[in-house]
Every structure is written in structure tokens, then in C-alpha cells.
Amino acid sequence: MATALLIVTGSAHGENLDVLMSQVFPQEQATYIGYESVEREDIPASAAVERKYLIVDFRFEAAQPPVEQLQVSVHKVCMTLLKDRDLIRQLSDSGYDMVAVAFDRRSQFDCL
């Protein structure tokens, strides 16, 4: 019973996150391709901080924009997440202590 509840709850978080992130940018600007949960192995399991973080992943339709525009895009994603207090609470309750934004496979930008 507890396992089924966790699976349903986890899926609800993902659905909410997917819907929210797919609406951040116009389709011709950047496409939301999904999220990944990462557990940081460099932090001991006994540490007081959580070891999990979430990466929300986007791809630009054209070439990656200049740094200034990239910063604006990161800010837009982060603010969209922060405004959804219920989702932030759910992620926090699920053990996530950070969210990062990625627009390629080489780099990530931290939100919270």
C-alpha cells in the first residue's frame, strides 16, 4: 500500500512538473524535453543535507543564444518553478534540495 502511494505521488509530481515546464517558452524558442532526478554520491548518506537534486532539461530550436539571453532563460525557468509553491513543497517533501536547468549536455545552472 505504501509503495503504491509513493508511486502515484511521484508520478503526480512529474506530471505537474512536465505540464509547468512545457509552458515556459514558446515552441519556436526552446523545447522542454524532460527532467532527471540525480542523487549526489559525493555527499555522505549520513549528512544533514539532502543528496537529491532535479535537472529540468530544455533544448533551443536554433543555436544556443548569447550568455545574456541564456541567463534570462534560466531566470524564466527558475521563476516559473518558484511561483508554483505547491510543486516546490512537493519536491522538498520528496527530498529534493536543489533544481538545476540545462540547455545542453555540458552545463547546468542552479535555481534553488
N, C-alpha and C. Protein backbone atom coordinates (compact mmCIF):
# COMPACT_ATOMS: atom_id res chain seq x y z
N MET A 1 0.83 -1.19 0.00
CA MET A 1 0.00 0.00 0.00
C MET A 1 0.88 1.26 0.00
N ALA A 2 1.88 1.32 0.87
CA ALA A 2 2.76 2.49 0.94
C ALA A 2 3.53 2.64 -0.37
N THR A 3 3.95 1.55 -0.95
CA THR A 3 4.68 1.62 -2.21
C THR A 3 3.79 2.17 -3.31
N ALA A 4 2.56 1.72 -3.38
CA ALA A 4 1.64 2.23 -4.39
C ALA A 4 1.39 3.72 -4.20
N LEU A 5 1.28 4.16 -2.97
CA LEU A 5 1.06 5.57 -2.68
C LEU A 5 2.25 6.40 -3.14
N LEU A 6 3.47 5.92 -2.90
CA LEU A 6 4.66 6.64 -3.32
C LEU A 6 4.76 6.72 -4.84
N ILE A 7 4.41 5.66 -5.52
CA ILE A 7 4.47 5.67 -6.97
C ILE A 7 3.47 6.67 -7.55
N VAL A 8 2.26 6.68 -7.05
CA VAL A 8 1.25 7.62 -7.52
C VAL A 8 1.67 9.04 -7.22
N THR A 9 2.17 9.30 -6.01
CA THR A 9 2.60 10.64 -5.64
C THR A 9 3.76 11.09 -6.51
N GLY A 10 4.75 10.23 -6.73
CA GLY A 10 5.88 10.58 -7.57
C GLY A 10 5.45 10.90 -8.99
N SER A 11 4.52 10.15 -9.51
CA SER A 11 4.04 10.39 -10.85
C SER A 11 3.27 11.70 -10.93
N ALA A 12 2.53 12.05 -9.89
CA ALA A 12 1.81 13.33 -9.89
C ALA A 12 2.79 14.49 -9.91
N HIS A 13 3.91 14.38 -9.18
CA HIS A 13 4.93 15.44 -9.20
C HIS A 13 5.46 15.61 -10.61
N GLY A 14 5.78 14.51 -11.25
CA GLY A 14 6.33 14.55 -12.59
C GLY A 14 5.36 15.13 -13.60
N GLU A 15 4.09 14.75 -13.50
CA GLU A 15 3.08 15.29 -14.42
C GLU A 15 2.95 16.79 -14.22
N ASN A 16 2.88 17.25 -12.97
CA ASN A 16 2.77 18.68 -12.69
C ASN A 16 4.00 19.42 -13.23
N LEU A 17 5.16 18.87 -12.99
CA LEU A 17 6.40 19.48 -13.45
C LEU A 17 6.45 19.51 -14.97
N ASP A 18 6.08 18.41 -15.62
CA ASP A 18 6.09 18.35 -17.08
C ASP A 18 5.15 19.39 -17.68
N VAL A 19 3.95 19.50 -17.14
CA VAL A 19 2.98 20.47 -17.66
C VAL A 19 3.51 21.89 -17.47
N LEU A 20 4.01 22.20 -16.28
CA LEU A 20 4.52 23.53 -15.98
C LEU A 20 5.70 23.90 -16.88
N MET A 21 6.66 23.00 -17.01
CA MET A 21 7.87 23.29 -17.78
C MET A 21 7.60 23.35 -19.28
N SER A 22 6.63 22.60 -19.76
CA SER A 22 6.34 22.62 -21.20
C SER A 22 5.69 23.94 -21.63
N GLN A 23 5.29 24.77 -20.65
CA GLN A 23 4.65 26.04 -20.96
C GLN A 23 5.57 27.24 -20.74
N VAL A 24 6.81 27.04 -20.38
CA VAL A 24 7.72 28.14 -20.05
C VAL A 24 8.08 28.97 -21.28
N PHE A 25 8.43 28.32 -22.38
CA PHE A 25 8.89 29.02 -23.57
C PHE A 25 7.93 28.79 -24.74
N PRO A 26 7.87 29.76 -25.65
CA PRO A 26 7.14 29.50 -26.91
C PRO A 26 7.83 28.34 -27.63
N GLN A 27 7.07 27.58 -28.38
CA GLN A 27 7.59 26.38 -29.03
C GLN A 27 8.78 26.66 -29.94
N GLU A 28 8.81 27.80 -30.59
CA GLU A 28 9.91 28.09 -31.52
C GLU A 28 11.17 28.56 -30.81
N GLN A 29 11.10 28.79 -29.50
CA GLN A 29 12.28 29.27 -28.78
C GLN A 29 13.07 28.14 -28.13
N ALA A 30 12.44 27.42 -27.21
CA ALA A 30 13.09 26.29 -26.54
C ALA A 30 12.04 25.23 -26.24
N THR A 31 12.46 23.99 -26.27
CA THR A 31 11.56 22.86 -26.04
C THR A 31 11.95 22.15 -24.76
N TYR A 32 10.97 21.92 -23.90
CA TYR A 32 11.18 21.14 -22.68
C TYR A 32 11.26 19.67 -23.09
N ILE A 33 12.34 18.99 -22.69
CA ILE A 33 12.48 17.58 -23.08
C ILE A 33 12.36 16.63 -21.90
N GLY A 34 12.29 17.15 -20.67
CA GLY A 34 12.08 16.28 -19.53
C GLY A 34 12.91 16.69 -18.33
N TYR A 35 12.86 15.84 -17.32
CA TYR A 35 13.63 16.10 -16.10
C TYR A 35 14.33 14.82 -15.68
N GLU A 36 15.35 15.00 -14.86
CA GLU A 36 16.11 13.86 -14.36
C GLU A 36 16.37 14.07 -12.87
N SER A 37 16.16 13.04 -12.10
CA SER A 37 16.47 13.06 -10.67
C SER A 37 17.89 12.52 -10.50
N VAL A 38 18.71 13.26 -9.77
CA VAL A 38 20.11 12.87 -9.59
C VAL A 38 20.39 12.77 -8.09
N GLU A 39 21.04 11.69 -7.69
CA GLU A 39 21.46 11.55 -6.30
C GLU A 39 22.96 11.78 -6.24
N ARG A 40 23.36 12.73 -5.43
CA ARG A 40 24.77 13.11 -5.32
C ARG A 40 25.51 12.11 -4.45
N GLU A 41 26.41 11.39 -5.07
CA GLU A 41 27.19 10.38 -4.37
C GLU A 41 28.31 10.98 -3.52
N ASP A 42 28.67 12.25 -3.81
CA ASP A 42 29.77 12.89 -3.08
C ASP A 42 29.36 13.35 -1.68
N ILE A 43 28.06 13.30 -1.36
CA ILE A 43 27.58 13.67 -0.04
C ILE A 43 27.27 12.39 0.73
N PRO A 44 27.86 12.23 1.90
CA PRO A 44 27.58 11.01 2.68
C PRO A 44 26.09 10.88 3.01
N ALA A 45 25.61 9.66 3.03
CA ALA A 45 24.20 9.41 3.35
C ALA A 45 23.85 9.91 4.75
N SER A 46 24.82 9.99 5.63
CA SER A 46 24.57 10.44 7.00
C SER A 46 24.57 11.97 7.14
N ALA A 47 24.85 12.70 6.05
CA ALA A 47 24.91 14.17 6.11
C ALA A 47 23.52 14.76 6.39
N ALA A 48 23.51 15.95 6.95
CA ALA A 48 22.25 16.62 7.28
C ALA A 48 21.54 17.18 6.05
N VAL A 49 22.23 17.31 4.94
CA VAL A 49 21.61 17.84 3.71
C VAL A 49 21.15 16.70 2.83
N GLU A 50 20.16 17.01 2.01
CA GLU A 50 19.64 16.00 1.08
C GLU A 50 20.66 15.75 -0.03
N ARG A 51 20.58 14.60 -0.60
CA ARG A 51 21.53 14.21 -1.65
C ARG A 51 20.90 14.28 -3.04
N LYS A 52 19.60 14.56 -3.12
CA LYS A 52 18.91 14.53 -4.41
C LYS A 52 18.75 15.93 -4.98
N TYR A 53 18.89 16.02 -6.29
CA TYR A 53 18.51 17.25 -6.97
C TYR A 53 17.86 16.91 -8.30
N LEU A 54 17.19 17.89 -8.85
CA LEU A 54 16.42 17.70 -10.06
C LEU A 54 17.01 18.56 -11.17
N ILE A 55 17.12 17.99 -12.36
CA ILE A 55 17.56 18.77 -13.52
C ILE A 55 16.38 18.84 -14.49
N VAL A 56 15.95 20.06 -14.82
CA VAL A 56 14.94 20.24 -15.85
C VAL A 56 15.69 20.59 -17.13
N ASP A 57 15.36 19.90 -18.20
CA ASP A 57 16.16 19.93 -19.42
C ASP A 57 15.37 20.52 -20.59
N PHE A 58 15.99 21.48 -21.26
CA PHE A 58 15.42 22.14 -22.43
C PHE A 58 16.44 22.10 -23.56
N ARG A 59 15.95 22.28 -24.79
CA ARG A 59 16.83 22.44 -25.94
C ARG A 59 16.31 23.62 -26.75
N PHE A 60 17.24 24.45 -27.20
CA PHE A 60 16.89 25.56 -28.07
C PHE A 60 16.67 25.04 -29.48
N GLU A 61 15.71 25.63 -30.18
CA GLU A 61 15.42 25.22 -31.55
C GLU A 61 16.56 25.61 -32.47
N ALA A 62 17.09 26.82 -32.28
CA ALA A 62 18.21 27.30 -33.09
C ALA A 62 19.48 27.15 -32.26
N ALA A 63 20.53 27.80 -32.68
CA ALA A 63 21.79 27.76 -31.93
C ALA A 63 21.58 28.37 -30.54
N GLN A 64 22.39 27.92 -29.59
CA GLN A 64 22.28 28.44 -28.23
C GLN A 64 22.50 29.96 -28.25
N PRO A 65 21.66 30.70 -27.54
CA PRO A 65 21.76 32.17 -27.57
C PRO A 65 22.99 32.67 -26.82
N PRO A 66 23.27 33.98 -26.96
CA PRO A 66 24.38 34.58 -26.22
C PRO A 66 24.15 34.45 -24.71
N VAL A 67 25.22 34.64 -23.94
CA VAL A 67 25.18 34.44 -22.49
C VAL A 67 24.08 35.25 -21.83
N GLU A 68 23.89 36.51 -22.25
CA GLU A 68 22.86 37.35 -21.63
C GLU A 68 21.47 36.75 -21.81
N GLN A 69 21.17 36.27 -22.99
CA GLN A 69 19.87 35.66 -23.26
C GLN A 69 19.74 34.33 -22.52
N LEU A 70 20.82 33.60 -22.40
CA LEU A 70 20.82 32.34 -21.66
C LEU A 70 20.47 32.60 -20.19
N GLN A 71 21.05 33.64 -19.60
CA GLN A 71 20.74 34.00 -18.22
C GLN A 71 19.28 34.36 -18.05
N VAL A 72 18.72 35.07 -19.02
CA VAL A 72 17.30 35.43 -18.99
C VAL A 72 16.45 34.15 -19.04
N SER A 73 16.84 33.20 -19.86
CA SER A 73 16.10 31.94 -19.97
C SER A 73 16.15 31.13 -18.68
N VAL A 74 17.32 31.08 -18.05
CA VAL A 74 17.46 30.38 -16.76
C VAL A 74 16.56 31.05 -15.73
N HIS A 75 16.59 32.36 -15.68
CA HIS A 75 15.76 33.11 -14.73
C HIS A 75 14.28 32.82 -14.96
N LYS A 76 13.87 32.76 -16.21
CA LYS A 76 12.47 32.49 -16.53
C LYS A 76 12.04 31.12 -16.03
N VAL A 77 12.88 30.10 -16.23
CA VAL A 77 12.56 28.75 -15.76
C VAL A 77 12.50 28.73 -14.23
N CYS A 78 13.51 29.31 -13.59
CA CYS A 78 13.57 29.30 -12.13
C CYS A 78 12.38 30.03 -11.51
N MET A 79 12.01 31.17 -12.05
CA MET A 79 10.89 31.93 -11.51
C MET A 79 9.57 31.19 -11.72
N THR A 80 9.44 30.50 -12.84
CA THR A 80 8.24 29.69 -13.08
C THR A 80 8.12 28.61 -12.01
N LEU A 81 9.22 27.96 -11.68
CA LEU A 81 9.22 26.94 -10.63
C LEU A 81 8.89 27.54 -9.27
N LEU A 82 9.55 28.64 -8.94
CA LEU A 82 9.37 29.25 -7.62
C LEU A 82 7.96 29.76 -7.38
N LYS A 83 7.29 30.17 -8.42
CA LYS A 83 5.93 30.68 -8.28
C LYS A 83 4.93 29.57 -7.98
N ASP A 84 5.27 28.33 -8.30
CA ASP A 84 4.38 27.20 -8.03
C ASP A 84 4.74 26.62 -6.66
N ARG A 85 4.22 27.25 -5.62
CA ARG A 85 4.57 26.88 -4.24
C ARG A 85 4.21 25.44 -3.91
N ASP A 86 3.09 24.96 -4.45
CA ASP A 86 2.70 23.56 -4.17
C ASP A 86 3.72 22.59 -4.74
N LEU A 87 4.18 22.86 -5.95
CA LEU A 87 5.17 21.97 -6.57
C LEU A 87 6.49 22.03 -5.80
N ILE A 88 6.91 23.22 -5.40
CA ILE A 88 8.15 23.35 -4.62
C ILE A 88 8.02 22.59 -3.30
N ARG A 89 6.89 22.69 -2.66
CA ARG A 89 6.67 21.97 -1.40
C ARG A 89 6.72 20.46 -1.64
N GLN A 90 6.09 20.01 -2.72
CA GLN A 90 6.09 18.58 -3.03
C GLN A 90 7.51 18.08 -3.31
N LEU A 91 8.26 18.86 -4.07
CA LEU A 91 9.64 18.47 -4.36
C LEU A 91 10.48 18.42 -3.09
N SER A 92 10.32 19.42 -2.25
CA SER A 92 11.04 19.46 -0.98
C SER A 92 10.67 18.28 -0.10
N ASP A 93 9.38 17.99 -0.01
CA ASP A 93 8.91 16.84 0.79
C ASP A 93 9.44 15.52 0.23
N SER A 94 9.74 15.49 -1.06
CA SER A 94 10.28 14.28 -1.69
C SER A 94 11.79 14.19 -1.58
N GLY A 95 12.41 15.17 -0.90
CA GLY A 95 13.84 15.09 -0.64
C GLY A 95 14.73 15.89 -1.56
N TYR A 96 14.16 16.68 -2.45
CA TYR A 96 14.98 17.49 -3.35
C TYR A 96 15.39 18.78 -2.65
N ASP A 97 16.68 19.10 -2.73
CA ASP A 97 17.15 20.34 -2.12
C ASP A 97 17.66 21.32 -3.15
N MET A 98 17.62 20.95 -4.43
CA MET A 98 18.09 21.85 -5.47
C MET A 98 17.45 21.47 -6.81
N VAL A 99 17.25 22.51 -7.63
CA VAL A 99 16.79 22.31 -9.00
C VAL A 99 17.79 23.01 -9.91
N ALA A 100 18.18 22.34 -10.97
CA ALA A 100 19.10 22.92 -11.95
C ALA A 100 18.41 22.92 -13.31
N VAL A 101 18.83 23.86 -14.16
CA VAL A 101 18.30 23.99 -15.52
C VAL A 101 19.43 23.66 -16.49
N ALA A 102 19.12 22.88 -17.52
CA ALA A 102 20.12 22.54 -18.53
C ALA A 102 19.54 22.84 -19.91
N PHE A 103 20.40 23.36 -20.78
CA PHE A 103 20.02 23.61 -22.17
C PHE A 103 20.89 22.79 -23.12
N ASP A 104 21.83 22.06 -22.57
CA ASP A 104 22.67 21.15 -23.34
C ASP A 104 23.22 20.11 -22.38
N ARG A 105 24.03 19.21 -22.86
CA ARG A 105 24.57 18.12 -22.02
C ARG A 105 25.84 18.53 -21.28
N ARG A 106 26.34 19.74 -21.52
CA ARG A 106 27.61 20.15 -20.93
C ARG A 106 27.47 20.96 -19.65
N SER A 107 26.39 21.71 -19.50
CA SER A 107 26.34 22.62 -18.36
C SER A 107 24.94 22.68 -17.75
N GLN A 108 24.91 23.01 -16.47
CA GLN A 108 23.68 23.17 -15.71
C GLN A 108 23.77 24.49 -14.95
N PHE A 109 22.60 25.07 -14.72
CA PHE A 109 22.51 26.31 -13.97
C PHE A 109 21.59 26.09 -12.79
N ASP A 110 22.06 26.36 -11.57
CA ASP A 110 21.27 26.12 -10.36
C ASP A 110 20.19 27.16 -10.18
N CYS A 111 19.00 26.68 -9.78
CA CYS A 111 17.89 27.58 -9.42
C CYS A 111 17.85 27.78 -7.91
N LEU A 112 17.67 26.66 -7.22
CA LEU A 112 17.49 26.72 -5.77
C LEU A 112 18.11 25.52 -5.11
